[in-house]
């Protein structure tokens, strides 16, 4: 499995940095964002290091689908009942800060800090 030794999310995958995990399987990890924008804000990341959504290819389609499919289940488990938002920032102009593909999943009562 590909990883980047300088990537903070790869370090979370490797267990070198702690995270408040809400899900882990053979391909994905989901954990609470340390700077939440909403009452419930988790990140869903692949264990495989893919820098941006633009770097994902046809071979990653099933993985991307699993990431998106996990979102509603996590929100239900975390008590979000009135809708949620999913967001993938891609590249510098897309606002991406950590160059490891990740999906924000945010929910809970409004108003939110951002978004």
N, C-alpha and C. Protein backbone atom coordinates (compact mmCIF):
# COMPACT_ATOMS: atom_id res chain seq x y z
N UNK A 1 0.84 -1.18 0.00
CA UNK A 1 0.00 0.00 0.00
C UNK A 1 0.88 1.24 0.00
N UNK A 2 0.57 2.20 -0.84
CA UNK A 2 1.36 3.41 -0.97
C UNK A 2 1.13 4.34 0.22
N UNK A 3 2.22 4.93 0.72
CA UNK A 3 2.13 5.93 1.77
C UNK A 3 3.23 6.96 1.59
N UNK A 4 3.07 8.10 2.24
CA UNK A 4 4.05 9.18 2.20
C UNK A 4 4.53 9.41 3.63
N UNK A 5 5.81 9.22 3.92
CA UNK A 5 6.29 9.33 5.30
C UNK A 5 6.15 10.73 5.89
N UNK A 6 5.92 11.74 5.06
CA UNK A 6 5.77 13.11 5.54
C UNK A 6 4.30 13.54 5.67
N UNK A 7 3.38 12.65 5.34
CA UNK A 7 1.95 12.98 5.32
C UNK A 7 1.32 12.72 6.68
N UNK A 8 0.66 13.72 7.25
CA UNK A 8 0.03 13.57 8.56
C UNK A 8 -1.04 12.48 8.54
N UNK A 9 -1.80 12.36 7.45
CA UNK A 9 -2.85 11.34 7.40
C UNK A 9 -2.24 9.95 7.25
N UNK A 10 -1.14 9.82 6.53
CA UNK A 10 -0.45 8.52 6.46
C UNK A 10 0.07 8.13 7.85
N UNK A 11 0.48 9.11 8.64
CA UNK A 11 0.93 8.83 10.00
C UNK A 11 -0.23 8.38 10.88
N UNK A 12 -1.42 8.93 10.66
CA UNK A 12 -2.61 8.46 11.37
C UNK A 12 -2.92 7.02 10.97
N UNK A 13 -2.87 6.74 9.67
CA UNK A 13 -3.10 5.37 9.19
C UNK A 13 -2.12 4.40 9.84
N UNK A 14 -0.86 4.81 9.97
CA UNK A 14 0.17 3.94 10.54
C UNK A 14 0.12 3.85 12.06
N UNK A 15 -0.74 4.65 12.69
CA UNK A 15 -0.84 4.64 14.14
C UNK A 15 0.22 5.47 14.83
N UNK A 16 0.96 6.29 14.08
CA UNK A 16 2.01 7.12 14.65
C UNK A 16 1.45 8.40 15.29
N UNK A 17 0.26 8.81 14.85
CA UNK A 17 -0.42 9.98 15.40
C UNK A 17 -1.81 9.51 15.82
N UNK A 18 -2.22 9.84 17.05
CA UNK A 18 -3.55 9.40 17.49
C UNK A 18 -4.66 10.18 16.80
N UNK A 19 -5.81 9.54 16.69
CA UNK A 19 -7.01 10.17 16.13
C UNK A 19 -8.22 9.58 16.83
N UNK A 20 -9.28 10.35 16.92
CA UNK A 20 -10.54 9.87 17.50
C UNK A 20 -11.32 9.18 16.39
N UNK A 21 -11.00 7.90 16.17
CA UNK A 21 -11.58 7.15 15.07
C UNK A 21 -13.03 6.80 15.34
N UNK A 22 -13.83 6.87 14.26
CA UNK A 22 -15.22 6.44 14.32
C UNK A 22 -15.45 5.24 13.40
N UNK A 23 -14.46 4.93 12.57
CA UNK A 23 -14.56 3.79 11.65
C UNK A 23 -13.16 3.43 11.17
N UNK A 24 -12.94 2.12 11.01
CA UNK A 24 -11.72 1.65 10.35
C UNK A 24 -12.02 0.30 9.75
N UNK A 25 -11.61 0.12 8.49
CA UNK A 25 -11.67 -1.18 7.84
C UNK A 25 -10.39 -1.35 7.05
N UNK A 26 -10.35 -2.31 6.17
CA UNK A 26 -9.11 -2.60 5.44
C UNK A 26 -8.67 -1.48 4.50
N UNK A 27 -9.60 -0.62 4.08
CA UNK A 27 -9.28 0.42 3.10
C UNK A 27 -9.44 1.85 3.59
N UNK A 28 -10.27 2.06 4.61
CA UNK A 28 -10.65 3.42 5.02
C UNK A 28 -10.51 3.62 6.52
N UNK A 29 -10.29 4.87 6.88
CA UNK A 29 -10.36 5.31 8.28
C UNK A 29 -11.21 6.57 8.29
N UNK A 30 -12.05 6.70 9.32
CA UNK A 30 -12.80 7.93 9.53
C UNK A 30 -12.56 8.36 10.97
N UNK A 31 -12.35 9.67 11.16
CA UNK A 31 -12.04 10.19 12.48
C UNK A 31 -12.55 11.63 12.61
N UNK A 32 -12.71 12.08 13.84
CA UNK A 32 -13.17 13.44 14.10
C UNK A 32 -12.10 14.45 13.68
N UNK A 33 -12.54 15.51 13.03
CA UNK A 33 -11.65 16.61 12.65
C UNK A 33 -11.21 17.34 13.91
N UNK A 34 -9.93 17.72 13.99
CA UNK A 34 -9.45 18.42 15.19
C UNK A 34 -9.85 19.90 15.20
N UNK A 35 -10.29 20.43 14.06
CA UNK A 35 -10.79 21.80 13.99
C UNK A 35 -12.17 21.78 13.32
N UNK A 36 -13.19 21.29 14.04
CA UNK A 36 -14.50 21.09 13.41
C UNK A 36 -15.18 22.38 12.98
N UNK A 37 -15.87 22.29 11.86
CA UNK A 37 -16.69 23.39 11.36
C UNK A 37 -18.13 23.25 11.77
N UNK A 38 -18.51 22.06 12.22
CA UNK A 38 -19.89 21.75 12.55
C UNK A 38 -19.90 20.91 13.83
N UNK A 39 -21.06 20.78 14.48
CA UNK A 39 -21.12 19.96 15.69
C UNK A 39 -20.60 18.54 15.50
N UNK A 40 -20.85 17.95 14.35
CA UNK A 40 -20.28 16.64 14.00
C UNK A 40 -19.48 16.86 12.72
N UNK A 41 -18.18 16.60 12.76
CA UNK A 41 -17.31 16.82 11.61
C UNK A 41 -16.25 15.73 11.61
N UNK A 42 -16.41 14.80 10.68
CA UNK A 42 -15.44 13.72 10.56
C UNK A 42 -14.78 13.77 9.18
N UNK A 43 -13.60 13.19 9.12
CA UNK A 43 -12.87 13.04 7.87
C UNK A 43 -12.85 11.56 7.51
N UNK A 44 -13.10 11.26 6.26
CA UNK A 44 -13.01 9.89 5.75
C UNK A 44 -11.82 9.88 4.80
N UNK A 45 -10.85 9.02 5.07
CA UNK A 45 -9.64 8.96 4.24
C UNK A 45 -9.36 7.53 3.81
N UNK A 46 -8.80 7.37 2.63
CA UNK A 46 -8.32 6.04 2.25
C UNK A 46 -6.99 5.76 2.95
N UNK A 47 -6.73 4.51 3.25
CA UNK A 47 -5.43 4.16 3.81
C UNK A 47 -4.34 4.31 2.76
N UNK A 48 -4.70 4.12 1.52
CA UNK A 48 -3.79 4.32 0.39
C UNK A 48 -3.54 5.81 0.22
N UNK A 49 -2.28 6.22 0.08
CA UNK A 49 -1.97 7.63 -0.13
C UNK A 49 -2.28 8.01 -1.57
N UNK A 50 -3.30 8.84 -1.72
CA UNK A 50 -3.64 9.48 -3.00
C UNK A 50 -3.65 10.96 -2.66
N UNK A 51 -2.80 11.75 -3.29
CA UNK A 51 -2.63 13.14 -2.87
C UNK A 51 -3.90 13.98 -3.03
N UNK A 52 -4.56 13.90 -4.17
CA UNK A 52 -5.75 14.71 -4.43
C UNK A 52 -6.78 13.89 -5.18
N UNK A 53 -7.99 14.38 -5.22
CA UNK A 53 -9.02 13.72 -6.01
C UNK A 53 -8.62 13.68 -7.48
N UNK A 54 -7.89 14.68 -7.94
CA UNK A 54 -7.41 14.70 -9.33
C UNK A 54 -6.44 13.56 -9.63
N UNK A 55 -5.81 13.03 -8.60
CA UNK A 55 -4.87 11.92 -8.78
C UNK A 55 -5.55 10.56 -8.78
N UNK A 56 -6.82 10.53 -8.44
CA UNK A 56 -7.56 9.26 -8.44
C UNK A 56 -7.88 8.87 -9.88
N UNK A 57 -7.75 7.60 -10.16
CA UNK A 57 -8.02 7.11 -11.51
C UNK A 57 -9.13 6.08 -11.49
N UNK A 58 -9.39 5.48 -12.65
CA UNK A 58 -10.44 4.45 -12.73
C UNK A 58 -10.24 3.31 -11.73
N UNK A 59 -8.99 3.01 -11.41
CA UNK A 59 -8.71 1.93 -10.46
C UNK A 59 -9.14 2.28 -9.03
N UNK A 60 -9.47 3.56 -8.77
CA UNK A 60 -9.88 3.99 -7.44
C UNK A 60 -11.39 4.20 -7.32
N UNK A 61 -12.15 3.92 -8.39
CA UNK A 61 -13.59 4.21 -8.37
C UNK A 61 -14.32 3.48 -7.26
N UNK A 62 -14.02 2.23 -7.01
CA UNK A 62 -14.70 1.49 -5.94
C UNK A 62 -14.36 2.09 -4.58
N UNK A 63 -13.12 2.49 -4.39
CA UNK A 63 -12.70 3.12 -3.13
C UNK A 63 -13.44 4.44 -2.92
N UNK A 64 -13.54 5.24 -3.95
CA UNK A 64 -14.26 6.52 -3.85
C UNK A 64 -15.73 6.28 -3.53
N UNK A 65 -16.32 5.27 -4.14
CA UNK A 65 -17.70 4.93 -3.85
C UNK A 65 -17.89 4.48 -2.41
N UNK A 66 -16.95 3.73 -1.89
CA UNK A 66 -17.03 3.29 -0.49
C UNK A 66 -16.92 4.47 0.46
N UNK A 67 -16.07 5.45 0.11
CA UNK A 67 -15.94 6.65 0.95
C UNK A 67 -17.29 7.37 1.03
N UNK A 68 -17.91 7.58 -0.12
CA UNK A 68 -19.18 8.29 -0.15
C UNK A 68 -20.28 7.47 0.52
N UNK A 69 -20.29 6.18 0.30
CA UNK A 69 -21.30 5.31 0.89
C UNK A 69 -21.21 5.21 2.41
N UNK A 70 -20.03 5.44 2.96
CA UNK A 70 -19.84 5.38 4.40
C UNK A 70 -20.45 6.59 5.11
N UNK A 71 -20.54 7.72 4.44
CA UNK A 71 -20.98 8.97 5.06
C UNK A 71 -22.34 8.86 5.75
N UNK A 72 -23.40 8.39 5.09
CA UNK A 72 -24.69 8.35 5.78
C UNK A 72 -24.71 7.43 6.99
N UNK A 73 -24.00 6.32 6.89
CA UNK A 73 -23.94 5.40 8.03
C UNK A 73 -23.28 6.07 9.24
N UNK A 74 -22.15 6.75 8.99
CA UNK A 74 -21.46 7.42 10.09
C UNK A 74 -22.33 8.50 10.71
N UNK A 75 -23.01 9.27 9.88
CA UNK A 75 -23.85 10.35 10.41
C UNK A 75 -24.98 9.78 11.27
N UNK A 76 -25.60 8.69 10.82
CA UNK A 76 -26.64 8.05 11.64
C UNK A 76 -26.05 7.60 12.97
N UNK A 77 -24.89 6.93 12.92
CA UNK A 77 -24.26 6.43 14.14
C UNK A 77 -23.87 7.55 15.09
N UNK A 78 -23.56 8.73 14.55
CA UNK A 78 -23.15 9.87 15.37
C UNK A 78 -24.32 10.77 15.75
N UNK A 79 -25.54 10.34 15.42
CA UNK A 79 -26.73 11.05 15.86
C UNK A 79 -27.20 12.18 14.98
N UNK A 80 -26.65 12.31 13.79
CA UNK A 80 -27.08 13.36 12.86
C UNK A 80 -28.34 12.86 12.15
N UNK A 81 -29.45 13.60 12.34
CA UNK A 81 -30.73 13.13 11.82
C UNK A 81 -31.39 14.08 10.83
N UNK A 82 -30.83 15.27 10.66
CA UNK A 82 -31.52 16.26 9.83
C UNK A 82 -30.67 16.71 8.64
N UNK A 83 -29.86 15.82 8.12
CA UNK A 83 -29.04 16.13 6.95
C UNK A 83 -27.59 16.39 7.30
N UNK A 84 -26.75 16.31 6.29
CA UNK A 84 -25.32 16.51 6.47
C UNK A 84 -24.72 16.99 5.16
N UNK A 85 -23.48 17.41 5.22
CA UNK A 85 -22.77 17.93 4.06
C UNK A 85 -21.52 17.09 3.85
N UNK A 86 -21.20 16.80 2.58
CA UNK A 86 -19.94 16.16 2.24
C UNK A 86 -19.14 17.13 1.37
N UNK A 87 -17.83 17.12 1.54
CA UNK A 87 -16.98 18.07 0.84
C UNK A 87 -15.61 17.46 0.60
N UNK A 88 -15.12 17.58 -0.62
CA UNK A 88 -13.76 17.18 -0.95
C UNK A 88 -13.07 18.39 -1.58
N UNK A 89 -12.10 18.95 -0.87
CA UNK A 89 -11.30 20.05 -1.41
C UNK A 89 -10.19 19.43 -2.26
N UNK A 90 -9.98 19.99 -3.45
CA UNK A 90 -9.00 19.41 -4.36
C UNK A 90 -8.04 20.47 -4.85
N UNK A 91 -6.77 20.32 -4.48
CA UNK A 91 -5.72 21.22 -4.94
C UNK A 91 -5.74 22.57 -4.25
N UNK A 92 -4.73 23.35 -4.54
CA UNK A 92 -4.54 24.66 -3.91
C UNK A 92 -5.76 25.57 -4.10
N UNK A 93 -6.20 25.72 -5.33
CA UNK A 93 -7.34 26.60 -5.59
C UNK A 93 -8.64 26.04 -5.05
N UNK A 94 -8.69 24.75 -4.78
CA UNK A 94 -9.87 24.12 -4.18
C UNK A 94 -9.86 24.16 -2.66
N UNK A 95 -8.81 24.74 -2.08
CA UNK A 95 -8.74 24.88 -0.63
C UNK A 95 -8.18 23.68 0.11
N UNK A 96 -7.55 22.75 -0.61
CA UNK A 96 -6.98 21.57 0.05
C UNK A 96 -5.77 21.98 0.88
N UNK A 97 -5.75 21.55 2.14
CA UNK A 97 -4.63 21.87 3.03
C UNK A 97 -3.73 20.67 3.29
N UNK A 98 -4.31 19.48 3.39
CA UNK A 98 -3.54 18.25 3.58
C UNK A 98 -3.61 17.47 2.28
N UNK A 99 -2.45 17.19 1.70
CA UNK A 99 -2.41 16.53 0.40
C UNK A 99 -2.42 15.01 0.55
N UNK A 100 -3.55 14.54 1.06
CA UNK A 100 -3.94 13.13 1.14
C UNK A 100 -5.44 13.20 0.95
N UNK A 101 -5.95 12.57 -0.07
CA UNK A 101 -7.37 12.62 -0.36
C UNK A 101 -8.19 12.40 0.91
N UNK A 102 -9.14 13.28 1.16
CA UNK A 102 -10.02 13.13 2.31
C UNK A 102 -11.36 13.80 2.04
N UNK A 103 -12.38 13.25 2.65
CA UNK A 103 -13.73 13.78 2.52
C UNK A 103 -14.21 14.25 3.88
N UNK A 104 -14.62 15.52 3.94
CA UNK A 104 -15.24 16.05 5.14
C UNK A 104 -16.70 15.64 5.14
N UNK A 105 -17.20 15.18 6.28
CA UNK A 105 -18.62 14.88 6.44
C UNK A 105 -19.07 15.63 7.68
N UNK A 106 -19.99 16.59 7.48
CA UNK A 106 -20.37 17.50 8.55
C UNK A 106 -21.88 17.52 8.74
N UNK A 107 -22.30 17.56 9.99
CA UNK A 107 -23.72 17.62 10.28
C UNK A 107 -23.97 18.16 11.67
N UNK A 108 -25.22 18.18 12.04
CA UNK A 108 -25.62 18.69 13.33
C UNK A 108 -26.37 20.00 13.17
N UNK A 109 -26.96 20.48 14.25
CA UNK A 109 -27.78 21.69 14.18
C UNK A 109 -27.00 22.90 13.70
N UNK A 110 -27.67 23.74 12.93
CA UNK A 110 -27.09 25.01 12.49
C UNK A 110 -27.27 26.04 13.59
N UNK A 111 -26.52 27.14 13.64
CA UNK A 111 -25.51 27.52 12.65
C UNK A 111 -24.19 26.82 12.92
N UNK A 112 -23.42 26.64 11.85
CA UNK A 112 -22.10 26.03 11.95
C UNK A 112 -21.06 27.13 11.98
N UNK A 113 -19.87 26.79 12.44
CA UNK A 113 -18.77 27.74 12.47
C UNK A 113 -18.40 28.21 11.07
N UNK A 114 -18.48 27.31 10.09
CA UNK A 114 -18.15 27.63 8.70
C UNK A 114 -19.09 26.84 7.79
N UNK A 115 -19.13 27.26 6.53
CA UNK A 115 -19.87 26.50 5.54
C UNK A 115 -21.33 26.77 5.57
